[in-house]
Structure formats: structure tokens, C-alpha cells
Amino acid sequence: MHLAPDERQWTRIRSTIGAIGAVHFGHCYPPLPDALIAHLKQQENDEGVIATGAAPAAVFRPGERVTILQGPMQGLEGVFVSMRGEERVMVLLSWLQRRVRAELRVDDVVAAG
């Protein structure tokens, strides 16, 4: 899909699950090569979704111990509580002698081993 350069209502992009917004550099929105757009479209399933791996719901079980891989809490272990949408998880951590819930990206957490 190509957007007109003067179009400023990015509704289709903002309403796309997982999309943050259009790629831009300041006020410049660079066009994407047609070959890249064709490649992305080939990766879509019948619903227009590009699958990136295993379904997050199948990755962890409630109560499973997990380790945080990135960010300020890197290396901390916690307990998987639930999925929060398709790309985020809720984890229970022991933090400063308290139990605290943290919502993290699913890619930032791995089963403790």
C-alpha cells in the first residue's frame, strides 16, 4: 500500500495490531520499494497477518518461572502470570521485598532454566 505524500491521517497504520506508526525521519516519510512491499505481502496469512513464530499463548504456562532478558530488570527471575495481548506478558517479580507485577514484551522474557 502506498500512501499519498500529503495524507496525514494514518488511520490504517495506527489501527494495525503491533504497528506504532509510519516510518519517518522528521517530517519526511520515505517511500518503500515495491519489492519490499511485495515480499511482506507474500508473508501474510489469509487474515493479512505476518506470523513471527509460535503463538505467545503457547510459550509460557501460568506459574512458570521466567527470566528477564533485557532492560533495567535484566537477569531478574519472576513468575509468568498471563498474556497481555499478543506481544506482552504479565510477570510477578520479587522487587525490594515486595511482590510486584510487571508488564513486559514477550520477547524480553524466557523460561528460567
PDB file of N, CA and C in Angstrom:
ATOM      1  N   MET A   1       0.848  -1.174   0.000  1.00  0.00           N
ATOM      2  CA  MET A   1       0.000   0.000   0.000  1.00  0.00           C
ATOM      3  C   MET A   1       0.889   1.231   0.000  1.00  0.00           C
ATOM      4  N   HIS A   2       0.644   2.113  -0.909  1.00  0.00           N
ATOM      5  CA  HIS A   2       1.365   3.375  -0.955  1.00  0.00           C
ATOM      6  C   HIS A   2       0.429   4.464  -0.450  1.00  0.00           C
ATOM      7  N   LEU A   3       0.946   5.353   0.366  1.00  0.00           N
ATOM      8  CA  LEU A   3       0.152   6.465   0.873  1.00  0.00           C
ATOM      9  C   LEU A   3       0.537   7.732   0.124  1.00  0.00           C
ATOM     10  N   ALA A   4      -0.431   8.558  -0.121  1.00  0.00           N
ATOM     11  CA  ALA A   4      -0.161   9.843  -0.776  1.00  0.00           C
ATOM     12  C   ALA A   4       0.720  10.682   0.150  1.00  0.00           C
ATOM     13  N   PRO A   5       1.724  11.383  -0.430  1.00  0.00           N
ATOM     14  CA  PRO A   5       2.639  12.178   0.400  1.00  0.00           C
ATOM     15  C   PRO A   5       1.933  13.199   1.285  1.00  0.00           C
ATOM     16  N   ASP A   6       0.794  13.720   0.822  1.00  0.00           N
ATOM     17  CA  ASP A   6       0.103  14.742   1.619  1.00  0.00           C
ATOM     18  C   ASP A   6      -0.915  14.157   2.601  1.00  0.00           C
ATOM     19  N   GLU A   7      -1.076  12.834   2.603  1.00  0.00           N
ATOM     20  CA  GLU A   7      -2.032  12.206   3.523  1.00  0.00           C
ATOM     21  C   GLU A   7      -1.473  12.226   4.934  1.00  0.00           C
ATOM     22  N   ARG A   8      -2.179  12.807   5.856  1.00  0.00           N
ATOM     23  CA  ARG A   8      -1.716  12.911   7.238  1.00  0.00           C
ATOM     24  C   ARG A   8      -2.610  12.141   8.196  1.00  0.00           C
ATOM     25  N   GLN A   9      -3.605  11.453   7.683  1.00  0.00           N
ATOM     26  CA  GLN A   9      -4.446  10.622   8.539  1.00  0.00           C
ATOM     27  C   GLN A   9      -3.983   9.185   8.348  1.00  0.00           C
ATOM     28  N   TRP A  10      -3.137   8.734   9.232  1.00  0.00           N
ATOM     29  CA  TRP A  10      -2.516   7.420   9.127  1.00  0.00           C
ATOM     30  C   TRP A  10      -3.376   6.361   9.802  1.00  0.00           C
ATOM     31  N   THR A  11      -4.671   6.419   9.619  1.00  0.00           N
ATOM     32  CA  THR A  11      -5.612   5.558  10.319  1.00  0.00           C
ATOM     33  C   THR A  11      -5.326   4.072  10.111  1.00  0.00           C
ATOM     34  N   ARG A  12      -5.060   3.653   8.899  1.00  0.00           N
ATOM     35  CA  ARG A  12      -4.831   2.231   8.638  1.00  0.00           C
ATOM     36  C   ARG A  12      -3.576   1.740   9.355  1.00  0.00           C
ATOM     37  N   ILE A  13      -2.572   2.582   9.445  1.00  0.00           N
ATOM     38  CA  ILE A  13      -1.336   2.187  10.125  1.00  0.00           C
ATOM     39  C   ILE A  13      -1.565   2.141  11.626  1.00  0.00           C
ATOM     40  N   ARG A  14      -2.137   3.191  12.182  1.00  0.00           N
ATOM     41  CA  ARG A  14      -2.352   3.246  13.635  1.00  0.00           C
ATOM     42  C   ARG A  14      -3.290   2.159  14.130  1.00  0.00           C
ATOM     43  N   SER A  15      -4.202   1.705  13.284  1.00  0.00           N
ATOM     44  CA  SER A  15      -5.155   0.680  13.717  1.00  0.00           C
ATOM     45  C   SER A  15      -4.636  -0.737  13.484  1.00  0.00           C
ATOM     46  N   THR A  16      -3.440  -0.870  12.926  1.00  0.00           N
ATOM     47  CA  THR A  16      -2.848  -2.178  12.691  1.00  0.00           C
ATOM     48  C   THR A  16      -2.253  -2.715  13.989  1.00  0.00           C
ATOM     49  N   ILE A  17      -2.628  -3.923  14.379  1.00  0.00           N
ATOM     50  CA  ILE A  17      -2.112  -4.532  15.602  1.00  0.00           C
ATOM     51  C   ILE A  17      -0.601  -4.645  15.514  1.00  0.00           C
ATOM     52  N   GLY A  18       0.093  -4.135  16.514  1.00  0.00           N
ATOM     53  CA  GLY A  18       1.543  -4.222  16.567  1.00  0.00           C
ATOM     54  C   GLY A  18       2.265  -3.064  15.910  1.00  0.00           C
ATOM     55  N   ALA A  19       1.553  -2.225  15.155  1.00  0.00           N
ATOM     56  CA  ALA A  19       2.199  -1.090  14.487  1.00  0.00           C
ATOM     57  C   ALA A  19       2.215   0.119  15.410  1.00  0.00           C
ATOM     58  N   ILE A  20       3.329   0.806  15.434  1.00  0.00           N
ATOM     59  CA  ILE A  20       3.462   2.017  16.240  1.00  0.00           C
ATOM     60  C   ILE A  20       3.118   3.236  15.407  1.00  0.00           C
ATOM     61  N   GLY A  21       3.513   3.232  14.165  1.00  0.00           N
ATOM     62  CA  GLY A  21       3.243   4.347  13.270  1.00  0.00           C
ATOM     63  C   GLY A  21       4.050   4.187  11.998  1.00  0.00           C
ATOM     64  N   ALA A  22       3.949   5.171  11.139  1.00  0.00           N
ATOM     65  CA  ALA A  22       4.685   5.141   9.877  1.00  0.00           C
ATOM     66  C   ALA A  22       6.153   5.464  10.131  1.00  0.00           C
ATOM     67  N   VAL A  23       7.023   4.867   9.320  1.00  0.00           N
ATOM     68  CA  VAL A  23       8.447   5.171   9.399  1.00  0.00           C
ATOM     69  C   VAL A  23       8.648   6.586   8.877  1.00  0.00           C
ATOM     70  N   HIS A  24       9.354   7.402   9.655  1.00  0.00           N
ATOM     71  CA  HIS A  24       9.603   8.773   9.200  1.00  0.00           C
ATOM     72  C   HIS A  24      10.885   9.306   9.807  1.00  0.00           C
ATOM     73  N   PHE A  25      11.441  10.270   9.145  1.00  0.00           N
ATOM     74  CA  PHE A  25      12.632  10.972   9.601  1.00  0.00           C
ATOM     75  C   PHE A  25      12.249  12.441   9.659  1.00  0.00           C
ATOM     76  N   GLY A  26      11.919  12.915  10.855  1.00  0.00           N
ATOM     77  CA  GLY A  26      11.385  14.271  10.976  1.00  0.00           C
ATOM     78  C   GLY A  26      10.034  14.323  10.285  1.00  0.00           C
ATOM     79  N   HIS A  27       9.914  15.201   9.302  1.00  0.00           N
ATOM     80  CA  HIS A  27       8.660  15.319   8.546  1.00  0.00           C
ATOM     81  C   HIS A  27       8.713  14.568   7.219  1.00  0.00           C
ATOM     82  N   CYS A  28       9.782  13.808   7.004  1.00  0.00           N
ATOM     83  CA  CYS A  28       9.959  13.061   5.759  1.00  0.00           C
ATOM     84  C   CYS A  28       9.529  11.609   5.959  1.00  0.00           C
ATOM     85  N   TYR A  29       8.583  11.162   5.119  1.00  0.00           N
ATOM     86  CA  TYR A  29       8.112   9.781   5.131  1.00  0.00           C
ATOM     87  C   TYR A  29       8.641   9.110   3.865  1.00  0.00           C
ATOM     88  N   PRO A  30       9.744   8.353   3.981  1.00  0.00           N
ATOM     89  CA  PRO A  30      10.352   7.776   2.777  1.00  0.00           C
ATOM     90  C   PRO A  30       9.473   6.682   2.170  1.00  0.00           C
ATOM     91  N   PRO A  31       9.434   6.612   0.840  1.00  0.00           N
ATOM     92  CA  PRO A  31       8.665   5.531   0.197  1.00  0.00           C
ATOM     93  C   PRO A  31       9.401   4.208   0.351  1.00  0.00           C
ATOM     94  N   LEU A  32       8.649   3.136   0.412  1.00  0.00           N
ATOM     95  CA  LEU A  32       9.242   1.796   0.468  1.00  0.00           C
ATOM     96  C   LEU A  32       9.325   1.236  -0.945  1.00  0.00           C
ATOM     97  N   PRO A  33      10.390   0.507  -1.234  1.00  0.00           N
ATOM     98  CA  PRO A  33      10.495  -0.108  -2.563  1.00  0.00           C
ATOM     99  C   PRO A  33       9.359  -1.104  -2.785  1.00  0.00           C
ATOM    100  N   ASP A  34       8.864  -1.156  -4.023  1.00  0.00           N
ATOM    101  CA  ASP A  34       7.781  -2.087  -4.359  1.00  0.00           C
ATOM    102  C   ASP A  34       8.162  -3.526  -4.043  1.00  0.00           C
ATOM    103  N   ALA A  35       9.434  -3.884  -4.219  1.00  0.00           N
ATOM    104  CA  ALA A  35       9.886  -5.254  -3.940  1.00  0.00           C
ATOM    105  C   ALA A  35       9.716  -5.602  -2.463  1.00  0.00           C
ATOM    106  N   LEU A  36       9.980  -4.654  -1.564  1.00  0.00           N
ATOM    107  CA  LEU A  36       9.805  -4.892  -0.130  1.00  0.00           C
ATOM    108  C   LEU A  36       8.330  -5.080   0.204  1.00  0.00           C
ATOM    109  N   ILE A  37       7.486  -4.254  -0.370  1.00  0.00           N
ATOM    110  CA  ILE A  37       6.047  -4.385  -0.129  1.00  0.00           C
ATOM    111  C   ILE A  37       5.557  -5.748  -0.625  1.00  0.00           C
ATOM    112  N   ALA A  38       6.009  -6.165  -1.804  1.00  0.00           N
ATOM    113  CA  ALA A  38       5.617  -7.472  -2.343  1.00  0.00           C
ATOM    114  C   ALA A  38       6.101  -8.603  -1.436  1.00  0.00           C
ATOM    115  N   HIS A  39       7.329  -8.490  -0.939  1.00  0.00           N
ATOM    116  CA  HIS A  39       7.876  -9.513  -0.036  1.00  0.00           C
ATOM    117  C   HIS A  39       7.036  -9.625   1.241  1.00  0.00           C
ATOM    118  N   LEU A  40       6.677  -8.502   1.825  1.00  0.00           N
ATOM    119  CA  LEU A  40       5.861  -8.516   3.045  1.00  0.00           C
ATOM    120  C   LEU A  40       4.495  -9.129   2.777  1.00  0.00           C
ATOM    121  N   LYS A  41       3.893  -8.783   1.656  1.00  0.00           N
ATOM    122  CA  LYS A  41       2.581  -9.343   1.317  1.00  0.00           C
ATOM    123  C   LYS A  41       2.645 -10.863   1.136  1.00  0.00           C
ATOM    124  N   GLN A  42       3.768 -11.380   0.653  1.00  0.00           N
ATOM    125  CA  GLN A  42       3.919 -12.827   0.497  1.00  0.00           C
ATOM    126  C   GLN A  42       3.964 -13.535   1.845  1.00  0.00           C
ATOM    127  N   GLN A  43       4.360 -12.829   2.891  1.00  0.00           N
ATOM    128  CA  GLN A  43       4.470 -13.418   4.228  1.00  0.00           C
ATOM    129  C   GLN A  43       3.130 -13.449   4.954  1.00  0.00           C
ATOM    130  N   GLU A  44       2.117 -12.730   4.455  1.00  0.00           N
ATOM    131  CA  GLU A  44       0.812 -12.636   5.116  1.00  0.00           C
ATOM    132  C   GLU A  44       0.048 -13.949   5.038  1.00  0.00           C
ATOM    133  N   ASN A  45      -0.743 -14.214   6.087  1.00  0.00           N
ATOM    134  CA  ASN A  45      -1.673 -15.341   6.023  1.00  0.00           C
ATOM    135  C   ASN A  45      -2.999 -14.836   5.445  1.00  0.00           C
ATOM    136  N   ASP A  46      -4.040 -15.658   5.456  1.00  0.00           N
ATOM    137  CA  ASP A  46      -5.328 -15.277   4.868  1.00  0.00           C
ATOM    138  C   ASP A  46      -5.971 -14.085   5.555  1.00  0.00           C
ATOM    139  N   GLU A  47      -5.579 -13.817   6.793  1.00  0.00           N
ATOM    140  CA  GLU A  47      -6.142 -12.691   7.540  1.00  0.00           C
ATOM    141  C   GLU A  47      -5.293 -11.439   7.418  1.00  0.00           C
ATOM    142  N   GLY A  48      -4.208 -11.504   6.626  1.00  0.00           N
ATOM    143  CA  GLY A  48      -3.342 -10.343   6.448  1.00  0.00           C
ATOM    144  C   GLY A  48      -2.318 -10.170   7.546  1.00  0.00           C
ATOM    145  N   VAL A  49      -2.101 -11.208   8.359  1.00  0.00           N
ATOM    146  CA  VAL A  49      -1.169 -11.155   9.482  1.00  0.00           C
ATOM    147  C   VAL A  49       0.125 -11.865   9.095  1.00  0.00           C
ATOM    148  N   ILE A  50       1.253 -11.261   9.464  1.00  0.00           N
ATOM    149  CA  ILE A  50       2.545 -11.898   9.239  1.00  0.00           C
ATOM    150  C   ILE A  50       2.939 -12.593  10.529  1.00  0.00           C
ATOM    151  N   ALA A  51       2.949 -13.923  10.512  1.00  0.00           N
ATOM    152  CA  ALA A  51       3.291 -14.705  11.698  1.00  0.00           C
ATOM    153  C   ALA A  51       4.792 -14.626  11.934  1.00  0.00           C
ATOM    154  N   THR A  52       5.197 -14.436  13.195  1.00  0.00           N
ATOM    155  CA  THR A  52       6.616 -14.301  13.521  1.00  0.00           C
ATOM    156  C   THR A  52       7.133 -15.460  14.357  1.00  0.00           C
ATOM    157  N   GLY A  53       6.362 -16.485  14.544  1.00  0.00           N
ATOM    158  CA  GLY A  53       6.822 -17.622  15.336  1.00  0.00           C
ATOM    159  C   GLY A  53       5.673 -18.269  16.073  1.00  0.00           C
ATOM    160  N   ALA A  54       5.995 -18.954  17.147  1.00  0.00           N
ATOM    161  CA  ALA A  54       4.983 -19.652  17.937  1.00  0.00           C
ATOM    162  C   ALA A  54       4.002 -18.664  18.544  1.00  0.00           C
ATOM    163  N   ALA A  55       2.786 -19.088  18.685  1.00  0.00           N
ATOM    164  CA  ALA A  55       1.780 -18.242  19.319  1.00  0.00           C
ATOM    165  C   ALA A  55       2.189 -17.979  20.760  1.00  0.00           C
ATOM    166  N   PRO A  56       2.186 -16.706  21.196  1.00  0.00           N
ATOM    167  CA  PRO A  56       2.630 -16.392  22.546  1.00  0.00           C
ATOM    168  C   PRO A  56       1.900 -17.164  23.635  1.00  0.00           C
ATOM    169  N   ALA A  57       0.627 -17.476  23.423  1.00  0.00           N
ATOM    170  CA  ALA A  57      -0.120 -18.196  24.448  1.00  0.00           C
ATOM    171  C   ALA A  57       0.486 -19.576  24.716  1.00  0.00           C
ATOM    172  N   ALA A  58       1.207 -20.135  23.736  1.00  0.00           N
ATOM    173  CA  ALA A  58       1.789 -21.462  23.901  1.00  0.00           C
ATOM    174  C   ALA A  58       3.201 -21.409  24.482  1.00  0.00           C
ATOM    175  N   VAL A  59       3.752 -20.227  24.666  1.00  0.00           N
ATOM    176  CA  VAL A  59       5.138 -20.083  25.102  1.00  0.00           C
ATOM    177  C   VAL A  59       5.318 -20.365  26.593  1.00  0.00           C
ATOM    178  N   PHE A  60       4.456 -19.829  27.455  1.00  0.00           N
ATOM    179  CA  PHE A  60       4.581 -19.995  28.902  1.00  0.00           C
ATOM    180  C   PHE A  60       3.277 -20.513  29.499  1.00  0.00           C
ATOM    181  N   ARG A  61       3.414 -21.159  30.657  1.00  0.00           N
ATOM    182  CA  ARG A  61       2.253 -21.615  31.423  1.00  0.00           C
ATOM    183  C   ARG A  61       2.148 -20.767  32.688  1.00  0.00           C
ATOM    184  N   PRO A  62       0.938 -20.445  33.142  1.00  0.00           N
ATOM    185  CA  PRO A  62       0.801 -19.694  34.401  1.00  0.00           C
ATOM    186  C   PRO A  62       1.555 -20.401  35.522  1.00  0.00           C
ATOM    187  N   GLY A  63       2.328 -19.645  36.293  1.00  0.00           N
ATOM    188  CA  GLY A  63       3.117 -20.190  37.389  1.00  0.00           C
ATOM    189  C   GLY A  63       4.527 -20.575  36.998  1.00  0.00           C
ATOM    190  N   GLU A  64       4.829 -20.571  35.696  1.00  0.00           N
ATOM    191  CA  GLU A  64       6.161 -20.955  35.217  1.00  0.00           C
ATOM    192  C   GLU A  64       7.182 -19.864  35.562  1.00  0.00           C
ATOM    193  N   ARG A  65       8.371 -20.287  35.996  1.00  0.00           N
ATOM    194  CA  ARG A  65       9.455 -19.349  36.311  1.00  0.00           C
ATOM    195  C   ARG A  65      10.053 -18.826  35.014  1.00  0.00           C
ATOM    196  N   VAL A  66      10.269 -17.509  34.960  1.00  0.00           N
ATOM    197  CA  VAL A  66      10.837 -16.875  33.776  1.00  0.00           C
ATOM    198  C   VAL A  66      11.973 -15.946  34.181  1.00  0.00           C
ATOM    199  N   THR A  67      12.851 -15.646  33.229  1.00  0.00           N
ATOM    200  CA  THR A  67      13.960 -14.728  33.432  1.00  0.00           C
ATOM    201  C   THR A  67      13.822 -13.585  32.440  1.00  0.00           C
ATOM    202  N   ILE A  68      14.074 -12.367  32.894  1.00  0.00           N
ATOM    203  CA  ILE A  68      14.009 -11.185  32.033  1.00  0.00           C
ATOM    204  C   ILE A  68      15.347 -11.041  31.312  1.00  0.00           C
ATOM    205  N   LEU A  69      15.281 -10.910  29.994  1.00  0.00           N
ATOM    206  CA  LEU A  69      16.483 -10.888  29.160  1.00  0.00           C
ATOM    207  C   LEU A  69      17.053  -9.490  28.923  1.00  0.00           C
ATOM    208  N   GLN A  70      16.205  -8.456  28.927  1.00  0.00           N
ATOM    209  CA  GLN A  70      16.643  -7.108  28.548  1.00  0.00           C
ATOM    210  C   GLN A  70      16.029  -6.054  29.443  1.00  0.00           C
ATOM    211  N   GLY A  71      16.612  -4.874  29.383  1.00  0.00           N
ATOM    212  CA  GLY A  71      16.055  -3.730  30.081  1.00  0.00           C
ATOM    213  C   GLY A  71      16.580  -3.585  31.497  1.00  0.00           C
ATOM    214  N   PRO A  72      16.012  -2.653  32.246  1.00  0.00           N
ATOM    215  CA  PRO A  72      16.515  -2.370  33.589  1.00  0.00           C
ATOM    216  C   PRO A  72      16.343  -3.526  34.577  1.00  0.00           C
ATOM    217  N   MET A  73      15.460  -4.470  34.268  1.00  0.00           N
ATOM    218  CA  MET A  73      15.247  -5.619  35.148  1.00  0.00           C
ATOM    219  C   MET A  73      15.936  -6.876  34.626  1.00  0.00           C
ATOM    220  N   GLN A  74      16.861  -6.713  33.686  1.00  0.00           N
ATOM    221  CA  GLN A  74      17.572  -7.840  33.082  1.00  0.00           C
ATOM    222  C   GLN A  74      18.182  -8.738  34.149  1.00  0.00           C
ATOM    223  N   GLY A  75      17.972 -10.044  34.001  1.00  0.00           N
ATOM    224  CA  GLY A  75      18.532 -11.020  34.924  1.00  0.00           C
ATOM    225  C   GLY A  75      17.614 -11.391  36.069  1.00  0.00           C
ATOM    226  N   LEU A  76      16.591 -10.588  36.328  1.00  0.00           N
ATOM    227  CA  LEU A  76      15.656 -10.924  37.407  1.00  0.00           C
ATOM    228  C   LEU A  76      14.786 -12.111  36.997  1.00  0.00           C
ATOM    229  N   GLU A  77      14.449 -12.921  37.980  1.00  0.00           N
ATOM    230  CA  GLU A  77      13.528 -14.029  37.748  1.00  0.00           C
ATOM    231  C   GLU A  77      12.178 -13.671  38.336  1.00  0.00           C
ATOM    232  N   GLY A  78      11.139 -14.186  37.701  1.00  0.00           N
ATOM    233  CA  GLY A  78       9.793 -13.958  38.169  1.00  0.00           C
ATOM    234  C   GLY A  78       8.919 -15.135  37.819  1.00  0.00           C
ATOM    235  N   VAL A  79       7.621 -14.937  37.966  1.00  0.00           N
ATOM    236  CA  VAL A  79       6.642 -15.982  37.678  1.00  0.00           C
ATOM    237  C   VAL A  79       5.684 -15.452  36.617  1.00  0.00           C
ATOM    238  N   PHE A  80       5.524 -16.224  35.545  1.00  0.00           N
ATOM    239  CA  PHE A  80       4.596 -15.846  34.485  1.00  0.00           C
ATOM    240  C   PHE A  80       3.174 -15.888  35.027  1.00  0.00           C
ATOM    241  N   VAL A  81       2.423 -14.788  34.808  1.00  0.00           N
ATOM    242  CA  VAL A  81       1.038 -14.713  35.265  1.00  0.00           C
ATOM    243  C   VAL A  81       0.084 -14.927  34.093  1.00  0.00           C
ATOM    244  N   SER A  82       0.243 -14.107  33.027  1.00  0.00           N
ATOM    245  CA  SER A  82      -0.684 -14.199  31.898  1.00  0.00           C
ATOM    246  C   SER A  82      -0.159 -13.427  30.702  1.00  0.00           C
ATOM    247  N   MET A  83      -0.797 -13.665  29.559  1.00  0.00           N
ATOM    248  CA  MET A  83      -0.532 -12.873  28.365  1.00  0.00           C
ATOM    249  C   MET A  83      -1.323 -11.579  28.480  1.00  0.00           C
ATOM    250  N   ARG A  84      -0.774 -10.516  27.947  1.00  0.00           N
ATOM    251  CA  ARG A  84      -1.458  -9.221  27.897  1.00  0.00           C
ATOM    252  C   ARG A  84      -1.488  -8.810  26.434  1.00  0.00           C
ATOM    253  N   GLY A  85      -2.444  -9.327  25.698  1.00  0.00           N
ATOM    254  CA  GLY A  85      -2.478  -9.137  24.257  1.00  0.00           C
ATOM    255  C   GLY A  85      -1.584 -10.174  23.610  1.00  0.00           C
ATOM    256  N   GLU A  86      -1.151  -9.894  22.395  1.00  0.00           N
ATOM    257  CA  GLU A  86      -0.346 -10.856  21.652  1.00  0.00           C
ATOM    258  C   GLU A  86       1.147 -10.696  21.893  1.00  0.00           C
ATOM    259  N   GLU A  87       1.588  -9.533  22.332  1.00  0.00           N
ATOM    260  CA  GLU A  87       3.025  -9.270  22.393  1.00  0.00           C
ATOM    261  C   GLU A  87       3.550  -8.925  23.777  1.00  0.00           C
ATOM    262  N   ARG A  88       2.689  -9.012  24.795  1.00  0.00           N
ATOM    263  CA  ARG A  88       3.124  -8.630  26.135  1.00  0.00           C
ATOM    264  C   ARG A  88       2.732  -9.707  27.138  1.00  0.00           C
ATOM    265  N   VAL A  89       3.516  -9.779  28.215  1.00  0.00           N
ATOM    266  CA  VAL A  89       3.245 -10.737  29.284  1.00  0.00           C
ATOM    267  C   VAL A  89       3.193 -10.012  30.623  1.00  0.00           C
ATOM    268  N   MET A  90       2.434 -10.580  31.549  1.00  0.00           N
ATOM    269  CA  MET A  90       2.398 -10.086  32.919  1.00  0.00           C
ATOM    270  C   MET A  90       3.223 -11.058  33.747  1.00  0.00           C
ATOM    271  N   VAL A  91       4.205 -10.513  34.481  1.00  0.00           N
ATOM    272  CA  VAL A  91       5.121 -11.318  35.286  1.00  0.00           C
ATOM    273  C   VAL A  91       5.083 -10.801  36.718  1.00  0.00           C
ATOM    274  N   LEU A  92       5.094 -11.711  37.686  1.00  0.00           N
ATOM    275  CA  LEU A  92       5.141 -11.349  39.103  1.00  0.00           C
ATOM    276  C   LEU A  92       6.592 -11.429  39.560  1.00  0.00           C
ATOM    277  N   LEU A  93       7.111 -10.318  40.076  1.00  0.00           N
ATOM    278  CA  LEU A  93       8.513 -10.227  40.499  1.00  0.00           C
ATOM    279  C   LEU A  93       8.610  -9.980  41.994  1.00  0.00           C
ATOM    280  N   SER A  94       9.701 -10.413  42.589  1.00  0.00           N
ATOM    281  CA  SER A  94      10.030 -10.022  43.956  1.00  0.00           C
ATOM    282  C   SER A  94      10.958  -8.823  43.815  1.00  0.00           C
ATOM    283  N   TRP A  95      10.496  -7.655  44.206  1.00  0.00           N
ATOM    284  CA  TRP A  95      11.224  -6.410  43.983  1.00  0.00           C
ATOM    285  C   TRP A  95      11.221  -5.607  45.278  1.00  0.00           C
ATOM    286  N   LEU A  96      12.385  -5.366  45.834  1.00  0.00           N
ATOM    287  CA  LEU A  96      12.517  -4.599  47.078  1.00  0.00           C
ATOM    288  C   LEU A  96      11.637  -5.174  48.187  1.00  0.00           C
ATOM    289  N   GLN A  97      11.699  -6.471  48.356  1.00  0.00           N
ATOM    290  CA  GLN A  97      10.970  -7.220  49.383  1.00  0.00           C
ATOM    291  C   GLN A  97       9.453  -7.109  49.236  1.00  0.00           C
ATOM    292  N   ARG A  98       9.001  -6.894  48.012  1.00  0.00           N
ATOM    293  CA  ARG A  98       7.563  -6.852  47.713  1.00  0.00           C
ATOM    294  C   ARG A  98       7.304  -7.668  46.460  1.00  0.00           C
ATOM    295  N   ARG A  99       6.081  -8.119  46.300  1.00  0.00           N
ATOM    296  CA  ARG A  99       5.661  -8.795  45.067  1.00  0.00           C
ATOM    297  C   ARG A  99       5.063  -7.724  44.157  1.00  0.00           C
ATOM    298  N   VAL A 100       5.618  -7.589  42.964  1.00  0.00           N
ATOM    299  CA  VAL A 100       5.205  -6.540  42.037  1.00  0.00           C
ATOM    300  C   VAL A 100       4.903  -7.163  40.679  1.00  0.00           C
ATOM    301  N   ARG A 101       3.821  -6.725  40.068  1.00  0.00           N
ATOM    302  CA  ARG A 101       3.500  -7.175  38.712  1.00  0.00           C
ATOM    303  C   ARG A 101       4.176  -6.248  37.713  1.00  0.00           C
ATOM    304  N   ALA A 102       4.741  -6.830  36.667  1.00  0.00           N
ATOM    305  CA  ALA A 102       5.378  -6.050  35.608  1.00  0.00           C
ATOM    306  C   ALA A 102       4.862  -6.547  34.264  1.00  0.00           C
ATOM    307  N   GLU A 103       4.539  -5.615  33.403  1.00  0.00           N
ATOM    308  CA  GLU A 103       4.115  -5.969  32.047  1.00  0.00           C
ATOM    309  C   GLU A 103       5.318  -5.759  31.133  1.00  0.00           C
ATOM    310  N   LEU A 104       5.709  -6.821  30.412  1.00  0.00           N
ATOM    311  CA  LEU A 104       6.909  -6.803  29.593  1.00  0.00           C
ATOM    312  C   LEU A 104       6.603  -7.323  28.190  1.00  0.00           C
ATOM    313  N   ARG A 105       7.503  -7.031  27.256  1.00  0.00           N
ATOM    314  CA  ARG A 105       7.378  -7.606  25.912  1.00  0.00           C
ATOM    315  C   ARG A 105       7.661  -9.099  25.992  1.00  0.00           C
ATOM    316  N   VAL A 106       6.906  -9.891  25.284  1.00  0.00           N
ATOM    317  CA  VAL A 106       7.086 -11.348  25.327  1.00  0.00           C
ATOM    318  C   VAL A 106       8.500 -11.730  24.886  1.00  0.00           C
ATOM    319  N   ASP A 107       9.102 -10.951  23.976  1.00  0.00           N
ATOM    320  CA  ASP A 107      10.465 -11.244  23.509  1.00  0.00           C
ATOM    321  C   ASP A 107      11.531 -10.962  24.555  1.00  0.00           C
ATOM    322  N   ASP A 108      11.177 -10.249  25.620  1.00  0.00           N
ATOM    323  CA  ASP A 108      12.138  -9.907  26.667  1.00  0.00           C
ATOM    324  C   ASP A 108      12.156 -10.908  27.817  1.00  0.00           C
ATOM    325  N   VAL A 109      11.389 -12.004  27.677  1.00  0.00           N
ATOM    326  CA  VAL A 109      11.258 -12.989  28.749  1.00  0.00           C
ATOM    327  C   VAL A 109      11.516 -14.382  28.177  1.00  0.00           C
ATOM    328  N   VAL A 110      12.216 -15.200  28.978  1.00  0.00           N
ATOM    329  CA  VAL A 110      12.487 -16.583  28.574  1.00  0.00           C
ATOM    330  C   VAL A 110      12.239 -17.485  29.784  1.00  0.00           C
ATOM    331  N   ALA A 111      11.854 -18.730  29.521  1.00  0.00           N
ATOM    332  CA  ALA A 111      11.667 -19.684  30.622  1.00  0.00           C
ATOM    333  C   ALA A 111      12.968 -19.835  31.377  1.00  0.00           C
ATOM    334  N   ALA A 112      12.886 -19.788  32.713  1.00  0.00           N
ATOM    335  CA  ALA A 112      14.086 -19.945  33.561  1.00  0.00           C
ATOM    336  C   ALA A 112      14.562 -21.384  33.441  1.00  0.00           C
ATOM    337  N   GLY A 113      15.855 -21.524  33.384  1.00  0.00           N
ATOM    338  CA  GLY A 113      16.348 -22.879  33.212  1.00  0.00           C
ATOM    339  C   GLY A 113      17.543 -23.174  33.946  1.00  0.00           C
TER     340      GLY A 113
END
